[in-house]
């Protein structure tokens, strides 16, 4: 059982493990015809030989140079993709097993292998796609049976993944490995103690400074004016800019912080102080899936029968929650390190939302912000469709308001940190930024200025956190629809589960939802919380 009942929301909020950029998957590799489910315990782990991948990629490059006919060339492309998928299957399995026990030396070594080689592997794919985009028979390559119409629109010009950029990305991976190593050493230490901050926290802060430096180098080398612009584009392919996000952050600070500061947290403490067992958490999500039915019930049955989840508590587990897709088996997996209270029900249902989205779309999620819509959306819908959901309504509304404010604060922190340059980029200045932002957003007295090291996203998924904010805004609209007309929110959710829309604003528009960036939108959100939390 966790020592703390109500942990700071950074540690409660779940994390979708996405690594870098858009990951193009060929149509034939998305849907294998629904093979028989393979139980997680029977999945075989093996490292993909990176040297073999180089050989397979070179075969494609040679085929392009030799002007192979399209069918012959695509056979070579498929051979590379098969190895690429096997590589990321190994990555997923190593991630899961290492996250299960950060003290396990074997899986620590295996996971480090992927952290050290993923930049090289992604560079191979990127270079191959840019070369194919320049092929005289590009139109034939974009046939529906191969890449699909317009696939190569994003691969014109020169690939960014040259020797210099790959080396920078590898350096970033090495620093992320250090982050995991230090986190593993500190697994038995109270993360809020002075012992943690003065020893492990200080080391983590040093690693973060170096990560910021190398990421700034990557952005400059790629021709961007700053790292946020680079990350929004390169990592996440967003159709909104850092400037738009910063305006949204200011709107949230203006409209919601005053409510947040004056909120009555007693209902939240009362609900989240209730003990919740693993079986109760599982039953909550199962009832939600069965009551909604259809593809969601199918997804849950797969997860249950194939053992594609781990929601057990362990002191050795990585203190996050995530969902990840295991490509060779076409199956998602959910990982949760529970707190032991009823918040675990929403954590698990959040990750199951990702699971269902991956199940429905064969792992080809449209985009990061879109993916978070399905996870957060199912949290809201579970309030009406899961057994016991009604008792969580007030707590969820408080939690949602906290998400808007606190995750906006973290995003504001990130933007300010990446504006530091030269001698100004020190951990002492980062501490000051964190404390100032926490104060501005109304929770400064509740945190240590060194507490940013407890937020995994800053180290592993930079500039990701704004996705929680914008997707939560769209997800909240599902709840509002459901309250207006029973079934309307669920219908909207289910009809979009298999979306291939890569960009968030495009998805919101196609789904008939309001953009979080729309003028006056956050004022409406304020009114919703004022009414819900009277």
Protein backbone atom coordinates (compact mmCIF):
# COMPACT_ATOMS: atom_id res chain seq x y z
CA UNK A 1 0.00 0.00 0.00
CA UNK A 2 1.25 3.47 -0.81
CA UNK A 3 2.18 5.65 2.13
CA UNK A 4 0.40 8.63 0.61
CA UNK A 5 -3.32 8.59 -0.13
CA UNK A 6 -3.56 11.68 -2.28
CA UNK A 7 -0.39 12.18 -4.26
CA UNK A 8 0.42 15.25 -6.23
CA UNK A 9 -1.38 14.95 -9.54
CA UNK A 10 1.82 14.74 -11.56
CA UNK A 11 2.34 11.31 -10.10
CA UNK A 12 -1.32 10.33 -10.39
CA UNK A 13 -1.75 11.30 -14.00
CA UNK A 14 -1.09 8.51 -16.38
CA UNK A 15 1.48 8.47 -19.10
CA UNK A 16 1.18 7.21 -22.64
CA UNK A 17 4.59 5.97 -23.73
CA UNK A 18 5.23 7.46 -27.12
CA UNK A 19 8.78 7.71 -28.16
CA UNK A 20 9.48 9.99 -31.10
CA UNK A 21 7.59 11.49 -33.96
CA UNK A 22 5.04 9.97 -36.29
CA UNK A 23 5.56 6.27 -36.88
CA UNK A 24 4.34 5.34 -40.37
CA UNK A 25 2.93 1.83 -40.61
CA UNK A 26 1.97 0.23 -43.89
CA UNK A 27 -1.69 -0.73 -44.33
CA UNK A 28 -0.82 -4.44 -44.66
CA UNK A 29 1.03 -4.34 -41.36
CA UNK A 30 -1.84 -2.69 -39.49
CA UNK A 31 -4.43 -5.44 -39.80
CA UNK A 32 -3.19 -8.99 -40.18
CA UNK A 33 -6.70 -10.38 -40.27
CA UNK A 34 -7.09 -10.57 -36.49
CA UNK A 35 -4.78 -13.50 -35.63
CA UNK A 36 -5.51 -15.62 -32.59
CA UNK A 37 -4.72 -13.79 -29.37
CA UNK A 38 -1.37 -14.66 -27.80
CA UNK A 39 -1.28 -14.50 -23.99
CA UNK A 40 1.27 -12.04 -22.69
CA UNK A 41 3.04 -14.78 -20.75
CA UNK A 42 3.64 -16.67 -24.02
CA UNK A 43 5.12 -13.74 -25.94
CA UNK A 44 8.72 -14.40 -26.91
CA UNK A 45 11.36 -11.77 -26.38
CA UNK A 46 14.44 -11.44 -28.56
CA UNK A 47 16.61 -8.54 -29.59
CA UNK A 48 16.40 -7.50 -33.20
CA UNK A 49 19.86 -7.41 -34.74
CA UNK A 50 20.41 -3.74 -35.65
CA UNK A 51 23.17 -4.68 -38.10
CA UNK A 52 20.68 -6.89 -39.95
CA UNK A 53 18.31 -3.93 -40.11
CA UNK A 54 21.06 -1.87 -41.72
CA UNK A 55 21.47 -4.60 -44.34
CA UNK A 56 17.74 -4.69 -45.02
CA UNK A 57 17.54 -0.90 -45.26
CA UNK A 58 20.50 -0.84 -47.62
CA UNK A 59 18.75 -3.42 -49.81
CA UNK A 60 15.88 -0.96 -50.22
CA UNK A 61 18.27 1.88 -51.01
CA UNK A 62 20.06 -0.31 -53.56
CA UNK A 63 16.71 -1.30 -55.07
CA UNK A 64 15.81 2.37 -55.51
CA UNK A 65 19.15 3.07 -57.18
CA UNK A 66 18.78 0.04 -59.45
CA UNK A 67 15.23 1.13 -60.36
CA UNK A 68 13.64 -2.12 -59.21
CA UNK A 69 10.05 -2.55 -60.28
CA UNK A 70 7.60 -1.49 -57.57
CA UNK A 71 6.58 -5.02 -56.57
CA UNK A 72 10.20 -6.13 -56.08
CA UNK A 73 11.07 -2.94 -54.23
CA UNK A 74 8.08 -3.30 -51.91
CA UNK A 75 9.16 -6.85 -50.99
CA UNK A 76 12.39 -5.31 -49.67
CA UNK A 77 10.46 -2.55 -47.91
CA UNK A 78 8.27 -5.13 -46.20
CA UNK A 79 11.33 -7.08 -45.08
CA UNK A 80 12.71 -3.96 -43.40
CA UNK A 81 9.35 -3.13 -41.81
CA UNK A 82 9.10 -6.65 -40.41
CA UNK A 83 12.47 -6.21 -38.69
CA UNK A 84 11.50 -2.69 -37.56
CA UNK A 85 8.31 -3.98 -35.97
CA UNK A 86 10.22 -6.80 -34.28
CA UNK A 87 12.66 -4.24 -32.90
CA UNK A 88 9.82 -2.23 -31.37
CA UNK A 89 8.17 -5.40 -30.07
CA UNK A 90 11.37 -6.04 -28.14
CA UNK A 91 11.37 -2.42 -27.03
CA UNK A 92 7.81 -2.76 -25.70
CA UNK A 93 8.47 -6.02 -23.86
CA UNK A 94 11.71 -4.73 -22.32
CA UNK A 95 9.88 -1.57 -21.28
CA UNK A 96 7.13 -3.57 -19.58
CA UNK A 97 9.43 -5.99 -17.78
CA UNK A 98 11.85 -3.28 -16.66
CA UNK A 99 8.96 -1.13 -15.44
CA UNK A 100 7.74 -4.12 -13.43
CA UNK A 101 11.01 -4.19 -11.49
CA UNK A 102 13.50 -1.34 -11.76
CA UNK A 103 16.01 -3.39 -9.75
CA UNK A 104 16.11 -6.26 -12.29
CA UNK A 105 19.56 -6.07 -13.89
CA UNK A 106 18.64 -8.18 -16.92
CA UNK A 107 15.76 -5.98 -18.02
CA UNK A 108 17.64 -2.83 -17.12
CA UNK A 109 20.32 -3.92 -19.59
CA UNK A 110 17.77 -4.85 -22.25
CA UNK A 111 15.92 -1.56 -21.94
CA UNK A 112 19.20 0.36 -22.07
CA UNK A 113 19.94 -1.37 -25.39
CA UNK A 114 16.83 0.18 -26.92
CA UNK A 115 17.47 3.57 -25.41
CA UNK A 116 20.95 3.47 -26.96
CA UNK A 117 19.90 2.23 -30.42
CA UNK A 118 16.43 3.66 -31.10
CA UNK A 119 17.79 6.84 -32.67
CA UNK A 120 19.83 4.79 -35.13
CA UNK A 121 16.85 2.59 -35.98
CA UNK A 122 14.48 5.53 -36.46
CA UNK A 123 17.11 7.19 -38.65
CA UNK A 124 17.11 4.12 -40.93
CA UNK A 125 13.33 4.31 -41.38
CA UNK A 126 13.37 8.06 -41.94
CA UNK A 127 16.15 7.90 -44.54
CA UNK A 128 14.41 5.06 -46.37
CA UNK A 129 11.11 6.95 -46.53
CA UNK A 130 12.77 10.11 -47.82
CA UNK A 131 14.48 8.08 -50.54
CA UNK A 132 11.19 6.43 -51.51
CA UNK A 133 9.49 9.83 -51.61
CA UNK A 134 11.98 10.84 -54.30
CA UNK A 135 11.28 7.73 -56.37
CA UNK A 136 10.09 8.34 -59.96
CA UNK A 137 7.24 5.88 -59.37
CA UNK A 138 6.06 7.52 -56.14
CA UNK A 139 2.47 7.46 -57.41
CA UNK A 140 2.58 3.67 -57.68
CA UNK A 141 4.12 3.41 -54.21
CA UNK A 142 1.19 5.44 -52.87
CA UNK A 143 -1.34 2.89 -54.14
CA UNK A 144 -3.83 1.74 -51.51
CA UNK A 145 -2.18 -1.68 -51.25
CA UNK A 146 1.14 -0.05 -50.32
CA UNK A 147 1.57 3.31 -48.58
CA UNK A 148 -1.67 5.03 -49.53
CA UNK A 149 -2.42 8.31 -51.26
CA UNK A 150 -0.43 11.31 -50.02
CA UNK A 151 1.76 9.24 -47.69
CA UNK A 152 5.00 10.84 -48.86
CA UNK A 153 3.82 14.43 -48.55
CA UNK A 154 5.71 14.68 -45.26
CA UNK A 155 8.91 13.17 -46.63
CA UNK A 156 9.94 15.62 -49.31
CA UNK A 157 13.42 17.15 -49.36
CA UNK A 158 16.29 15.85 -47.25
CA UNK A 159 16.02 13.61 -44.19
CA UNK A 160 16.97 15.26 -40.92
CA UNK A 161 18.50 12.04 -39.67
CA UNK A 162 22.07 12.55 -40.79
CA UNK A 163 25.14 11.58 -38.75
CA UNK A 164 25.10 14.75 -36.64
CA UNK A 165 21.41 14.65 -35.74
CA UNK A 166 21.53 10.93 -35.02
CA UNK A 167 24.45 11.49 -32.66
CA UNK A 168 22.48 14.17 -30.80
CA UNK A 169 19.48 11.88 -30.51
CA UNK A 170 21.71 9.09 -29.23
CA UNK A 171 23.11 11.46 -26.60
CA UNK A 172 19.55 12.26 -25.54
CA UNK A 173 18.89 8.52 -25.22
CA UNK A 174 21.98 8.06 -23.07
CA UNK A 175 20.82 10.81 -20.73
CA UNK A 176 17.39 9.23 -20.51
CA UNK A 177 19.07 5.96 -19.56
CA UNK A 178 20.83 7.84 -16.74
CA UNK A 179 17.43 9.11 -15.63
CA UNK A 180 16.11 5.55 -15.40
CA UNK A 181 19.26 4.34 -13.62
CA UNK A 182 19.00 7.02 -10.94
CA UNK A 183 15.27 6.41 -10.58
CA UNK A 184 16.00 2.72 -10.06
CA UNK A 185 18.56 3.51 -7.35
CA UNK A 186 15.98 5.66 -5.57
CA UNK A 187 13.10 3.21 -5.80
CA UNK A 188 13.04 2.54 -2.03
CA UNK A 189 13.46 6.18 -0.98
CA UNK A 190 10.52 8.43 -0.09
CA UNK A 191 10.39 10.82 -3.10
CA UNK A 192 9.30 13.70 -0.87
CA UNK A 193 12.13 13.33 1.63
CA UNK A 194 15.20 15.50 1.98
CA UNK A 195 17.30 12.38 1.46
CA UNK A 196 15.76 11.95 -1.98
CA UNK A 197 16.09 15.58 -3.03
CA UNK A 198 19.63 16.14 -1.75
CA UNK A 199 20.98 12.95 -3.30
CA UNK A 200 18.93 11.49 -6.15
CA UNK A 201 16.91 14.62 -6.91
CA UNK A 202 20.07 16.66 -7.34
CA UNK A 203 21.48 14.07 -9.74
CA UNK A 204 18.24 14.03 -11.71
CA UNK A 205 18.29 17.83 -11.93
CA UNK A 206 21.82 17.67 -13.38
CA UNK A 207 20.62 15.14 -15.97
CA UNK A 208 17.70 17.40 -16.85
CA UNK A 209 19.99 20.38 -17.47
CA UNK A 210 22.01 18.25 -19.90
CA UNK A 211 18.83 17.02 -21.59
CA UNK A 212 17.66 20.59 -22.13
CA UNK A 213 21.04 21.47 -23.65
CA UNK A 214 21.08 18.58 -26.11
CA UNK A 215 17.46 19.16 -27.09
CA UNK A 216 18.18 22.80 -27.78
CA UNK A 217 21.07 21.67 -29.97
CA UNK A 218 18.76 19.33 -31.85
CA UNK A 219 16.24 22.11 -32.46
CA UNK A 220 18.92 24.52 -33.68
CA UNK A 221 20.45 21.92 -35.95
CA UNK A 222 17.01 21.15 -37.39
CA UNK A 223 16.53 24.83 -38.24
CA UNK A 224 13.92 25.73 -35.62
CA UNK A 225 13.99 28.95 -33.62
CA UNK A 226 13.46 27.13 -30.31
CA UNK A 227 12.89 23.68 -28.85
CA UNK A 228 9.12 23.99 -28.28
CA UNK A 229 8.58 24.71 -31.98
CA UNK A 230 10.77 21.73 -32.87
CA UNK A 231 9.07 19.36 -30.42
CA UNK A 232 5.52 20.34 -31.38
CA UNK A 233 6.37 19.64 -35.01
CA UNK A 234 8.95 16.85 -35.02
CA UNK A 235 7.83 14.73 -32.08
CA UNK A 236 4.09 15.25 -32.15
CA UNK A 237 3.11 16.65 -35.56
CA UNK A 238 0.69 19.08 -33.94
CA UNK A 239 -1.52 21.37 -35.97
CA UNK A 240 -1.29 24.11 -33.36
CA UNK A 241 1.74 26.15 -32.41
CA UNK A 242 3.55 26.85 -29.13
CA UNK A 243 2.21 30.41 -29.38
CA UNK A 244 -1.37 29.11 -29.48
CA UNK A 245 -0.61 26.83 -26.55
CA UNK A 246 0.88 29.69 -24.55
CA UNK A 247 -2.26 31.77 -25.12
CA UNK A 248 -4.35 28.84 -23.91
CA UNK A 249 -2.11 28.58 -20.84
CA UNK A 250 -2.68 32.25 -20.08
CA UNK A 251 -6.45 31.85 -20.51
CA UNK A 252 -6.46 28.92 -18.10
CA UNK A 253 -4.37 30.85 -15.57
CA UNK A 254 -6.78 33.78 -15.84
CA UNK A 255 -10.05 31.86 -15.79
CA UNK A 256 -9.46 28.76 -13.66
CA UNK A 257 -6.74 29.39 -11.07
CA UNK A 258 -9.05 31.41 -8.81
CA UNK A 259 -11.55 28.50 -8.69
CA UNK A 260 -8.71 26.04 -8.17
CA UNK A 261 -7.30 28.02 -5.23
CA UNK A 262 -10.67 28.22 -3.48
CA UNK A 263 -11.91 24.73 -4.18
CA UNK A 264 -13.18 22.48 -1.39
CA UNK A 265 -10.96 19.42 -1.59
CA UNK A 266 -12.76 17.50 1.15
CA UNK A 267 -14.89 15.43 -1.30
CA UNK A 268 -11.71 14.48 -3.13
CA UNK A 269 -9.87 13.52 0.05
CA UNK A 270 -12.91 11.60 1.26
CA UNK A 271 -13.25 9.61 -1.96
CA UNK A 272 -9.54 9.03 -2.49
CA UNK A 273 -9.00 7.98 1.12
CA UNK A 274 -11.09 4.88 0.47
CA UNK A 275 -9.08 1.70 0.07
CA UNK A 276 -9.44 0.06 -3.31
CA UNK A 277 -8.21 -3.44 -4.06
CA UNK A 278 -6.89 -4.73 -7.35
CA UNK A 279 -10.08 -6.75 -7.84
CA UNK A 280 -12.29 -3.69 -7.24
CA UNK A 281 -10.29 -1.65 -9.73
CA UNK A 282 -10.56 -4.41 -12.30
CA UNK A 283 -14.31 -4.82 -11.74
CA UNK A 284 -14.90 -1.08 -12.24
CA UNK A 285 -13.34 -1.08 -15.69
CA UNK A 286 -14.91 -4.39 -16.65
CA UNK A 287 -18.38 -3.10 -15.82
CA UNK A 288 -17.75 0.00 -17.91
CA UNK A 289 -16.64 -2.03 -20.92
CA UNK A 290 -19.55 -4.46 -20.65
CA UNK A 291 -22.17 -1.74 -20.20
CA UNK A 292 -20.92 0.14 -23.27
CA UNK A 293 -20.52 -3.11 -25.17
CA UNK A 294 -19.48 -3.58 -28.79
CA UNK A 295 -15.83 -3.04 -29.63
CA UNK A 296 -15.09 -1.94 -26.07
CA UNK A 297 -16.37 -5.21 -24.63
CA UNK A 298 -14.32 -7.09 -27.23
CA UNK A 299 -11.20 -5.16 -26.27
CA UNK A 300 -11.69 -5.89 -22.59
CA UNK A 301 -12.22 -9.58 -23.25
CA UNK A 302 -8.92 -9.67 -25.14
CA UNK A 303 -7.12 -7.84 -22.34
CA UNK A 304 -8.55 -10.15 -19.69
CA UNK A 305 -8.14 -13.50 -21.44
CA UNK A 306 -4.64 -12.76 -22.77
CA UNK A 307 -3.42 -11.19 -19.52
CA UNK A 308 -2.50 -7.95 -21.28
CA UNK A 309 -2.38 -5.86 -18.13
CA UNK A 310 -0.54 -5.43 -14.84
CA UNK A 311 -2.36 -3.45 -12.17
CA UNK A 312 -0.68 -5.02 -9.15
CA UNK A 313 1.27 -2.97 -6.61
CA UNK A 314 5.01 -3.37 -6.05
CA UNK A 315 7.67 -1.21 -4.41
CA UNK A 316 9.97 -2.13 -7.29
CA UNK A 317 7.63 -0.97 -10.07
CA UNK A 318 8.16 2.25 -11.96
CA UNK A 319 5.73 4.74 -10.43
CA UNK A 320 3.79 5.57 -13.60
CA UNK A 321 1.01 4.09 -15.68
CA UNK A 322 1.04 3.59 -19.42
CA UNK A 323 -0.31 1.64 -22.37
CA UNK A 324 1.94 0.32 -25.10
CA UNK A 325 1.36 -1.60 -28.34
CA UNK A 326 3.20 -4.90 -28.93
CA UNK A 327 3.52 -4.92 -32.68
CA UNK A 328 4.43 -8.48 -33.59
CA UNK A 329 1.35 -9.68 -31.72
CA UNK A 330 -1.03 -6.82 -32.65
CA UNK A 331 -1.96 -6.50 -28.98
CA UNK A 332 -1.85 -3.57 -26.55
CA UNK A 333 -0.72 -3.83 -22.93
CA UNK A 334 -1.71 -1.78 -19.87
CA UNK A 335 0.69 -1.08 -17.00
CA UNK A 336 -0.46 0.55 -13.75
CA UNK A 337 1.37 1.02 -10.46
CA UNK A 338 -1.65 1.63 -8.22
CA UNK A 339 -1.94 3.97 -5.26
CA UNK A 340 -4.28 1.62 -3.41
CA UNK A 341 -7.24 4.00 -3.40
CA UNK A 342 -10.23 4.54 -5.66
CA UNK A 343 -8.24 6.87 -7.92
CA UNK A 344 -6.87 3.62 -9.35
CA UNK A 345 -10.24 3.02 -11.01
CA UNK A 346 -9.86 6.16 -13.12
CA UNK A 347 -6.18 5.44 -13.77
CA UNK A 348 -6.97 1.97 -15.09
CA UNK A 349 -9.97 3.12 -17.13
CA UNK A 350 -7.78 5.89 -18.62
CA UNK A 351 -5.23 3.34 -19.83
CA UNK A 352 -7.99 1.03 -21.03
CA UNK A 353 -9.22 3.92 -23.18
CA UNK A 354 -5.82 3.85 -24.89
CA UNK A 355 -6.07 0.06 -25.11
CA UNK A 356 -9.46 0.20 -26.83
CA UNK A 357 -8.27 2.87 -29.26
CA UNK A 358 -5.25 0.73 -30.19
CA UNK A 359 -7.42 -2.37 -30.47
CA UNK A 360 -9.90 -0.63 -32.78
CA UNK A 361 -7.23 0.98 -34.97
CA UNK A 362 -4.67 -1.86 -34.93
CA UNK A 363 -2.15 0.24 -33.08
CA UNK A 364 -2.10 3.02 -35.63
CA UNK A 365 -3.31 5.84 -33.38
CA UNK A 366 -3.97 9.01 -35.29
CA UNK A 367 -1.88 11.31 -33.14
CA UNK A 368 -0.77 11.97 -29.58
CA UNK A 369 -3.44 14.51 -28.68
CA UNK A 370 -6.10 12.37 -30.36
CA UNK A 371 -4.95 9.32 -28.39
CA UNK A 372 -5.29 11.21 -25.12
CA UNK A 373 -8.85 12.13 -26.07
CA UNK A 374 -9.80 8.45 -25.93
CA UNK A 375 -8.11 7.80 -22.60
CA UNK A 376 -9.47 10.86 -20.82
CA UNK A 377 -12.81 10.54 -22.56
CA UNK A 378 -13.35 7.08 -21.13
CA UNK A 379 -12.66 8.40 -17.63
CA UNK A 380 -15.60 10.77 -18.01
CA UNK A 381 -17.86 8.17 -19.59
CA UNK A 382 -17.10 5.65 -16.86
CA UNK A 383 -18.84 7.95 -14.40
CA UNK A 384 -22.14 7.00 -16.08
CA UNK A 385 -21.34 3.50 -17.35
CA UNK A 386 -19.22 1.81 -14.69
CA UNK A 387 -20.65 0.34 -11.52
CA UNK A 388 -19.83 2.81 -8.75
CA UNK A 389 -19.04 5.61 -11.18
CA UNK A 390 -21.59 8.02 -9.73
CA UNK A 391 -19.70 8.28 -6.44
CA UNK A 392 -16.66 9.53 -8.37
CA UNK A 393 -18.38 12.41 -10.18
CA UNK A 394 -17.46 15.20 -7.75
CA UNK A 395 -13.96 13.83 -7.31
CA UNK A 396 -13.51 13.61 -11.08
CA UNK A 397 -14.66 17.21 -11.56
CA UNK A 398 -12.14 18.37 -8.94
CA UNK A 399 -9.55 16.16 -10.60
CA UNK A 400 -10.39 17.62 -14.01
CA UNK A 401 -10.04 21.18 -12.77
CA UNK A 402 -6.73 20.22 -11.19
CA UNK A 403 -5.62 18.75 -14.50
CA UNK A 404 -6.38 21.96 -16.39
CA UNK A 405 -4.46 24.06 -13.87
CA UNK A 406 -1.58 21.82 -12.82
CA UNK A 407 -0.76 20.38 -16.23
CA UNK A 408 -0.92 23.90 -17.67
CA UNK A 409 1.54 24.91 -14.96
CA UNK A 410 3.90 22.10 -15.98
CA UNK A 411 3.62 23.12 -19.63
CA UNK A 412 4.33 26.73 -18.69
CA UNK A 413 7.35 25.52 -16.71
CA UNK A 414 8.69 23.60 -19.71
CA UNK A 415 8.31 26.53 -22.07
CA UNK A 416 10.15 28.81 -19.65
CA UNK A 417 12.95 26.32 -19.00
CA UNK A 418 13.68 25.89 -22.70
CA UNK A 419 14.02 29.67 -23.02
CA UNK A 420 17.09 29.57 -20.74
CA UNK A 421 20.36 29.79 -22.61
CA UNK A 422 24.08 29.67 -21.88
CA UNK A 423 25.05 30.40 -18.28
CA UNK A 424 21.40 30.92 -17.35
CA UNK A 425 20.66 27.22 -17.88
CA UNK A 426 21.39 25.94 -14.38
CA UNK A 427 19.42 23.72 -12.03
CA UNK A 428 19.22 26.60 -9.56
CA UNK A 429 17.39 28.73 -12.14
CA UNK A 430 15.16 25.80 -13.01
CA UNK A 431 14.27 25.45 -9.33
CA UNK A 432 13.29 29.14 -9.31
CA UNK A 433 11.12 28.74 -12.40
CA UNK A 434 9.33 25.76 -10.92
CA UNK A 435 8.61 27.56 -7.66
CA UNK A 436 7.44 30.74 -9.41
CA UNK A 437 5.13 28.86 -11.76
CA UNK A 438 3.72 26.78 -8.90
CA UNK A 439 2.99 30.00 -7.02
CA UNK A 440 1.36 31.65 -10.05
CA UNK A 441 -0.93 28.65 -10.52
CA UNK A 442 -1.96 28.39 -6.90
CA UNK A 443 -0.11 25.40 -5.48
CA UNK A 444 3.25 26.91 -4.58
CA UNK A 445 2.95 26.15 -0.88
CA UNK A 446 2.32 22.48 -1.57
CA UNK A 447 5.49 21.72 -3.51
CA UNK A 448 9.23 21.74 -3.12
CA UNK A 449 11.02 23.89 -5.70
CA UNK A 450 13.05 20.78 -6.59
CA UNK A 451 9.89 18.77 -7.23
CA UNK A 452 10.03 18.97 -11.01
CA UNK A 453 12.31 15.90 -10.98
CA UNK A 454 9.27 13.83 -9.97
CA UNK A 455 7.55 14.44 -13.31
CA UNK A 456 8.71 11.72 -15.76
CA UNK A 457 7.42 13.58 -18.81
CA UNK A 458 10.09 16.28 -18.52
CA UNK A 459 12.77 13.64 -18.96
CA UNK A 460 11.16 11.15 -21.34
CA UNK A 461 8.47 13.01 -23.31
CA UNK A 462 9.33 16.72 -23.49
CA UNK A 463 6.49 19.08 -24.43
CA UNK A 464 4.01 16.21 -24.14
CA UNK A 465 2.05 17.53 -21.16
CA UNK A 466 0.04 20.13 -23.10
CA UNK A 467 -1.63 17.13 -24.76
CA UNK A 468 -3.35 16.32 -21.48
CA UNK A 469 -4.80 19.82 -21.37
CA UNK A 470 -6.15 20.09 -24.92
CA UNK A 471 -7.41 16.50 -25.02
CA UNK A 472 -9.07 16.86 -21.62
CA UNK A 473 -10.96 19.84 -22.97
CA UNK A 474 -12.33 17.76 -25.84
CA UNK A 475 -12.99 14.79 -23.55
CA UNK A 476 -14.96 16.96 -21.13
CA UNK A 477 -17.32 17.68 -23.99
CA UNK A 478 -18.20 13.95 -24.10
CA UNK A 479 -19.36 14.17 -20.50
CA UNK A 480 -21.35 17.30 -21.27
CA UNK A 481 -23.00 15.53 -24.23
CA UNK A 482 -23.82 12.52 -22.07
CA UNK A 483 -25.50 14.71 -19.45
CA UNK A 484 -27.58 16.43 -22.12
CA UNK A 485 -28.68 13.22 -23.83
CA UNK A 486 -28.04 9.70 -22.55
CA UNK A 487 -25.83 7.80 -24.99
CA UNK A 488 -24.72 10.85 -26.99
CA UNK A 489 -21.26 10.97 -25.44
CA UNK A 490 -20.67 7.25 -25.86
CA UNK A 491 -21.87 7.36 -29.46
CA UNK A 492 -19.43 10.17 -30.23
CA UNK A 493 -16.61 8.24 -28.55
CA UNK A 494 -17.25 4.89 -30.26
CA UNK A 495 -17.82 6.29 -33.75
CA UNK A 496 -14.36 7.86 -33.68
CA UNK A 497 -12.38 4.99 -32.09
CA UNK A 498 -10.75 3.86 -35.32
CA UNK A 499 -9.86 7.36 -36.51
CA UNK A 500 -6.74 7.82 -38.58
CA UNK A 501 -6.81 11.60 -38.13
CA UNK A 502 -3.25 12.53 -37.25
CA UNK A 503 -3.85 16.08 -36.08
CA UNK A 504 -5.89 17.18 -33.12
CA UNK A 505 -7.70 20.22 -34.48
CA UNK A 506 -8.60 18.29 -37.60
CA UNK A 507 -9.97 15.50 -35.43
CA UNK A 508 -11.96 17.88 -33.22
CA UNK A 509 -13.55 19.48 -36.25
CA UNK A 510 -14.38 16.16 -37.92
CA UNK A 511 -15.87 14.88 -34.66
CA UNK A 512 -18.08 17.95 -34.30
CA UNK A 513 -16.41 19.17 -31.10
CA UNK A 514 -15.26 22.65 -30.10
CA UNK A 515 -11.57 23.58 -30.24
CA UNK A 516 -9.94 24.36 -26.87
CA UNK A 517 -8.36 27.34 -28.63
CA UNK A 518 -11.71 28.82 -29.65
CA UNK A 519 -12.36 32.31 -28.33
CA UNK A 520 -14.28 32.10 -25.08
CA UNK A 521 -13.90 28.34 -24.73
CA UNK A 522 -12.16 28.44 -21.33
CA UNK A 523 -14.81 30.82 -20.03
CA UNK A 524 -17.36 28.07 -20.79
CA UNK A 525 -15.16 25.58 -18.98
CA UNK A 526 -15.05 27.90 -15.99
CA UNK A 527 -18.85 28.01 -15.93
CA UNK A 528 -19.00 24.20 -16.08
CA UNK A 529 -16.78 23.87 -13.02
CA UNK A 530 -18.59 26.62 -11.13
CA UNK A 531 -21.88 24.76 -11.66
CA UNK A 532 -20.46 21.30 -10.92
CA UNK A 533 -18.56 22.29 -7.78
CA UNK A 534 -21.11 24.54 -6.05
